Amino acid sequence: MGGVLPILLLILAGVLVGGALSLHRQGVPRGVVLTTAALAMLAAVAGGLWLLPGEGS
């Protein structure tokens, strides 16, 4: 499962970015959009860092 998890995190990041854009276009309050965007960034960073070589590999 070690190779699948980063890909799932990056897919989640993409879905959240799309959701943030959609929320922004719908005129949802800025806090909700920023929270969704922050979660997208967190998922993208986690997926990217998971792919880096490390001691546990």
PDB file of N, CA and C in Angstrom:
ATOM      1  N   MET A   1       0.824  -1.193   0.000  1.00  0.00           N
ATOM      2  CA  MET A   1       0.000   0.000   0.000  1.00  0.00           C
ATOM      3  C   MET A   1       0.866   1.253   0.000  1.00  0.00           C
ATOM      4  N   GLY A   2       2.167   1.091   0.208  1.00  0.00           N
ATOM      5  CA  GLY A   2       3.051   2.244   0.270  1.00  0.00           C
ATOM      6  C   GLY A   2       3.123   3.041  -1.021  1.00  0.00           C
ATOM      7  N   GLY A   3       2.917   2.398  -2.163  1.00  0.00           N
ATOM      8  CA  GLY A   3       2.965   3.105  -3.428  1.00  0.00           C
ATOM      9  C   GLY A   3       1.637   3.722  -3.828  1.00  0.00           C
ATOM     10  N   VAL A   4       0.561   3.252  -3.218  1.00  0.00           N
ATOM     11  CA  VAL A   4      -0.770   3.715  -3.581  1.00  0.00           C
ATOM     12  C   VAL A   4      -1.164   4.963  -2.787  1.00  0.00           C
ATOM     13  N   LEU A   5      -0.740   5.041  -1.550  1.00  0.00           N
ATOM     14  CA  LEU A   5      -1.155   6.134  -0.679  1.00  0.00           C
ATOM     15  C   LEU A   5      -0.761   7.520  -1.188  1.00  0.00           C
ATOM     16  N   PRO A   6       0.463   7.733  -1.673  1.00  0.00           N
ATOM     17  CA  PRO A   6       0.779   9.072  -2.181  1.00  0.00           C
ATOM     18  C   PRO A   6      -0.051   9.445  -3.406  1.00  0.00           C
ATOM     19  N   ILE A   7      -0.366   8.464  -4.231  1.00  0.00           N
ATOM     20  CA  ILE A   7      -1.187   8.756  -5.397  1.00  0.00           C
ATOM     21  C   ILE A   7      -2.603   9.132  -4.960  1.00  0.00           C
ATOM     22  N   LEU A   8      -3.131   8.438  -3.972  1.00  0.00           N
ATOM     23  CA  LEU A   8      -4.455   8.781  -3.445  1.00  0.00           C
ATOM     24  C   LEU A   8      -4.459  10.182  -2.820  1.00  0.00           C
ATOM     25  N   LEU A   9      -3.374  10.534  -2.150  1.00  0.00           N
ATOM     26  CA  LEU A   9      -3.279  11.873  -1.564  1.00  0.00           C
ATOM     27  C   LEU A   9      -3.233  12.953  -2.644  1.00  0.00           C
ATOM     28  N   LEU A  10      -2.524  12.700  -3.715  1.00  0.00           N
ATOM     29  CA  LEU A  10      -2.448  13.671  -4.811  1.00  0.00           C
ATOM     30  C   LEU A  10      -3.787  13.775  -5.541  1.00  0.00           C
ATOM     31  N   ILE A  11      -4.498  12.664  -5.682  1.00  0.00           N
ATOM     32  CA  ILE A  11      -5.838  12.707  -6.270  1.00  0.00           C
ATOM     33  C   ILE A  11      -6.772  13.508  -5.369  1.00  0.00           C
ATOM     34  N   LEU A  12      -6.689  13.277  -4.069  1.00  0.00           N
ATOM     35  CA  LEU A  12      -7.502  14.040  -3.118  1.00  0.00           C
ATOM     36  C   LEU A  12      -7.192  15.527  -3.216  1.00  0.00           C
ATOM     37  N   ALA A  13      -5.919  15.870  -3.370  1.00  0.00           N
ATOM     38  CA  ALA A  13      -5.539  17.274  -3.517  1.00  0.00           C
ATOM     39  C   ALA A  13      -6.181  17.881  -4.753  1.00  0.00           C
ATOM     40  N   GLY A  14      -6.185  17.150  -5.849  1.00  0.00           N
ATOM     41  CA  GLY A  14      -6.807  17.646  -7.067  1.00  0.00           C
ATOM     42  C   GLY A  14      -8.301  17.856  -6.917  1.00  0.00           C
ATOM     43  N   VAL A  15      -8.956  16.916  -6.257  1.00  0.00           N
ATOM     44  CA  VAL A  15     -10.395  17.057  -6.026  1.00  0.00           C
ATOM     45  C   VAL A  15     -10.678  18.267  -5.136  1.00  0.00           C
ATOM     46  N   LEU A  16      -9.860  18.468  -4.125  1.00  0.00           N
ATOM     47  CA  LEU A  16     -10.062  19.603  -3.231  1.00  0.00           C
ATOM     48  C   LEU A  16      -9.788  20.935  -3.922  1.00  0.00           C
ATOM     49  N   VAL A  17      -8.813  20.980  -4.812  1.00  0.00           N
ATOM     50  CA  VAL A  17      -8.560  22.209  -5.570  1.00  0.00           C
ATOM     51  C   VAL A  17      -9.762  22.527  -6.452  1.00  0.00           C
ATOM     52  N   GLY A  18     -10.277  21.509  -7.121  1.00  0.00           N
ATOM     53  CA  GLY A  18     -11.474  21.717  -7.930  1.00  0.00           C
ATOM     54  C   GLY A  18     -12.650  22.164  -7.091  1.00  0.00           C
ATOM     55  N   GLY A  19     -12.777  21.597  -5.914  1.00  0.00           N
ATOM     56  CA  GLY A  19     -13.846  22.003  -5.008  1.00  0.00           C
ATOM     57  C   GLY A  19     -13.693  23.440  -4.545  1.00  0.00           C
ATOM     58  N   ALA A  20     -12.467  23.843  -4.259  1.00  0.00           N
ATOM     59  CA  ALA A  20     -12.225  25.223  -3.827  1.00  0.00           C
ATOM     60  C   ALA A  20     -12.561  26.207  -4.943  1.00  0.00           C
ATOM     61  N   LEU A  21     -12.180  25.865  -6.171  1.00  0.00           N
ATOM     62  CA  LEU A  21     -12.514  26.738  -7.302  1.00  0.00           C
ATOM     63  C   LEU A  21     -14.023  26.827  -7.498  1.00  0.00           C
ATOM     64  N   SER A  22     -14.687  25.708  -7.389  1.00  0.00           N
ATOM     65  CA  SER A  22     -16.133  25.684  -7.546  1.00  0.00           C
ATOM     66  C   SER A  22     -16.817  26.493  -6.445  1.00  0.00           C
ATOM     67  N   LEU A  23     -16.349  26.341  -5.227  1.00  0.00           N
ATOM     68  CA  LEU A  23     -16.922  27.105  -4.115  1.00  0.00           C
ATOM     69  C   LEU A  23     -16.714  28.599  -4.320  1.00  0.00           C
ATOM     70  N   HIS A  24     -15.538  28.960  -4.809  1.00  0.00           N
ATOM     71  CA  HIS A  24     -15.246  30.378  -5.052  1.00  0.00           C
ATOM     72  C   HIS A  24     -16.193  30.958  -6.102  1.00  0.00           C
ATOM     73  N   ARG A  25     -16.428  30.207  -7.166  1.00  0.00           N
ATOM     74  CA  ARG A  25     -17.325  30.668  -8.230  1.00  0.00           C
ATOM     75  C   ARG A  25     -18.766  30.783  -7.755  1.00  0.00           C
ATOM     76  N   GLN A  26     -19.140  29.979  -6.761  1.00  0.00           N
ATOM     77  CA  GLN A  26     -20.500  30.014  -6.247  1.00  0.00           C
ATOM     78  C   GLN A  26     -20.707  31.131  -5.225  1.00  0.00           C
ATOM     79  N   GLY A  27     -19.645  31.800  -4.845  1.00  0.00           N
ATOM     80  CA  GLY A  27     -19.760  32.905  -3.906  1.00  0.00           C
ATOM     81  C   GLY A  27     -19.854  32.491  -2.450  1.00  0.00           C
ATOM     82  N   VAL A  28     -19.309  31.339  -2.138  1.00  0.00           N
ATOM     83  CA  VAL A  28     -19.295  30.853  -0.758  1.00  0.00           C
ATOM     84  C   VAL A  28     -18.359  31.741   0.059  1.00  0.00           C
ATOM     85  N   PRO A  29     -18.616  31.914   1.361  1.00  0.00           N
ATOM     86  CA  PRO A  29     -17.725  32.746   2.179  1.00  0.00           C
ATOM     87  C   PRO A  29     -16.258  32.345   2.065  1.00  0.00           C
ATOM     88  N   ARG A  30     -15.416  33.345   2.148  1.00  0.00           N
ATOM     89  CA  ARG A  30     -13.977  33.174   1.901  1.00  0.00           C
ATOM     90  C   ARG A  30     -13.333  32.154   2.847  1.00  0.00           C
ATOM     91  N   GLY A  31     -13.781  32.081   4.084  1.00  0.00           N
ATOM     92  CA  GLY A  31     -13.193  31.145   5.046  1.00  0.00           C
ATOM     93  C   GLY A  31     -13.341  29.700   4.617  1.00  0.00           C
ATOM     94  N   VAL A  32     -14.485  29.374   4.040  1.00  0.00           N
ATOM     95  CA  VAL A  32     -14.719  28.006   3.574  1.00  0.00           C
ATOM     96  C   VAL A  32     -13.798  27.684   2.398  1.00  0.00           C
ATOM     97  N   VAL A  33     -13.658  28.639   1.493  1.00  0.00           N
ATOM     98  CA  VAL A  33     -12.796  28.438   0.330  1.00  0.00           C
ATOM     99  C   VAL A  33     -11.342  28.289   0.772  1.00  0.00           C
ATOM    100  N   LEU A  34     -10.905  29.125   1.678  1.00  0.00           N
ATOM    101  CA  LEU A  34      -9.522  29.049   2.158  1.00  0.00           C
ATOM    102  C   LEU A  34      -9.254  27.757   2.923  1.00  0.00           C
ATOM    103  N   THR A  35     -10.229  27.291   3.681  1.00  0.00           N
ATOM    104  CA  THR A  35     -10.065  26.029   4.399  1.00  0.00           C
ATOM    105  C   THR A  35      -9.931  24.870   3.424  1.00  0.00           C
ATOM    106  N   THR A  36     -10.764  24.862   2.391  1.00  0.00           N
ATOM    107  CA  THR A  36     -10.688  23.811   1.383  1.00  0.00           C
ATOM    108  C   THR A  36      -9.353  23.869   0.643  1.00  0.00           C
ATOM    109  N   ALA A  37      -8.904  25.074   0.313  1.00  0.00           N
ATOM    110  CA  ALA A  37      -7.618  25.232  -0.369  1.00  0.00           C
ATOM    111  C   ALA A  37      -6.462  24.792   0.539  1.00  0.00           C
ATOM    112  N   ALA A  38      -6.548  25.094   1.820  1.00  0.00           N
ATOM    113  CA  ALA A  38      -5.496  24.684   2.750  1.00  0.00           C
ATOM    114  C   ALA A  38      -5.439  23.163   2.874  1.00  0.00           C
ATOM    115  N   LEU A  39      -6.593  22.514   2.908  1.00  0.00           N
ATOM    116  CA  LEU A  39      -6.611  21.050   2.948  1.00  0.00           C
ATOM    117  C   LEU A  39      -6.031  20.459   1.665  1.00  0.00           C
ATOM    118  N   ALA A  40      -6.292  21.119   0.530  1.00  0.00           N
ATOM    119  CA  ALA A  40      -5.724  20.663  -0.743  1.00  0.00           C
ATOM    120  C   ALA A  40      -4.208  20.773  -0.712  1.00  0.00           C
ATOM    121  N   MET A  41      -3.703  21.881  -0.204  1.00  0.00           N
ATOM    122  CA  MET A  41      -2.246  22.050  -0.116  1.00  0.00           C
ATOM    123  C   MET A  41      -1.640  21.023   0.824  1.00  0.00           C
ATOM    124  N   LEU A  42      -2.299  20.767   1.936  1.00  0.00           N
ATOM    125  CA  LEU A  42      -1.797  19.785   2.893  1.00  0.00           C
ATOM    126  C   LEU A  42      -1.733  18.396   2.264  1.00  0.00           C
ATOM    127  N   ALA A  43      -2.763  18.016   1.531  1.00  0.00           N
ATOM    128  CA  ALA A  43      -2.769  16.705   0.873  1.00  0.00           C
ATOM    129  C   ALA A  43      -1.688  16.626  -0.196  1.00  0.00           C
ATOM    130  N   ALA A  44      -1.499  17.711  -0.951  1.00  0.00           N
ATOM    131  CA  ALA A  44      -0.475  17.710  -2.001  1.00  0.00           C
ATOM    132  C   ALA A  44       0.926  17.615  -1.404  1.00  0.00           C
ATOM    133  N   VAL A  45       1.177  18.354  -0.351  1.00  0.00           N
ATOM    134  CA  VAL A  45       2.498  18.315   0.295  1.00  0.00           C
ATOM    135  C   VAL A  45       2.743  16.936   0.907  1.00  0.00           C
ATOM    136  N   ALA A  46       1.726  16.381   1.544  1.00  0.00           N
ATOM    137  CA  ALA A  46       1.884  15.049   2.145  1.00  0.00           C
ATOM    138  C   ALA A  46       2.153  14.002   1.072  1.00  0.00           C
ATOM    139  N   GLY A  47       1.433  14.066  -0.042  1.00  0.00           N
ATOM    140  CA  GLY A  47       1.667  13.114  -1.123  1.00  0.00           C
ATOM    141  C   GLY A  47       3.043  13.269  -1.730  1.00  0.00           C
ATOM    142  N   GLY A  48       3.484  14.504  -1.888  1.00  0.00           N
ATOM    143  CA  GLY A  48       4.818  14.745  -2.433  1.00  0.00           C
ATOM    144  C   GLY A  48       5.922  14.303  -1.506  1.00  0.00           C
ATOM    145  N   LEU A  49       5.781  14.593  -0.230  1.00  0.00           N
ATOM    146  CA  LEU A  49       6.804  14.183   0.738  1.00  0.00           C
ATOM    147  C   LEU A  49       6.861  12.670   0.895  1.00  0.00           C
ATOM    148  N   TRP A  50       5.715  12.029   0.751  1.00  0.00           N
ATOM    149  CA  TRP A  50       5.688  10.572   0.878  1.00  0.00           C
ATOM    150  C   TRP A  50       6.513   9.911  -0.230  1.00  0.00           C
ATOM    151  N   LEU A  51       6.597  10.574  -1.376  1.00  0.00           N
ATOM    152  CA  LEU A  51       7.328  10.009  -2.504  1.00  0.00           C
ATOM    153  C   LEU A  51       8.847  10.189  -2.386  1.00  0.00           C
ATOM    154  N   LEU A  52       9.291  11.059  -1.496  1.00  0.00           N
ATOM    155  CA  LEU A  52      10.722  11.275  -1.330  1.00  0.00           C
ATOM    156  C   LEU A  52      11.375  10.045  -0.715  1.00  0.00           C
ATOM    157  N   PRO A  53      12.593   9.734  -1.151  1.00  0.00           N
ATOM    158  CA  PRO A  53      13.278   8.587  -0.560  1.00  0.00           C
ATOM    159  C   PRO A  53      13.667   8.878   0.879  1.00  0.00           C
ATOM    160  N   GLY A  54      13.600   7.865   1.700  1.00  0.00           N
ATOM    161  CA  GLY A  54      13.947   8.057   3.103  1.00  0.00           C
ATOM    162  C   GLY A  54      14.477   6.793   3.728  1.00  0.00           C
ATOM    163  N   GLU A  55      14.617   6.829   5.027  1.00  0.00           N
ATOM    164  CA  GLU A  55      15.187   5.705   5.750  1.00  0.00           C
ATOM    165  C   GLU A  55      14.243   4.514   5.800  1.00  0.00           C
ATOM    166  N   GLY A  56      12.934   4.766   5.803  1.00  0.00           N
ATOM    167  CA  GLY A  56      11.975   3.679   5.944  1.00  0.00           C
ATOM    168  C   GLY A  56      11.780   2.859   4.685  1.00  0.00           C
ATOM    169  N   SER A  57      12.342   3.285   3.564  1.00  0.00           N
ATOM    170  CA  SER A  57      12.102   2.582   2.292  1.00  0.00           C
ATOM    171  C   SER A  57      12.875   1.289   2.209  1.00  0.00           C
TER     172      SER A  57
END
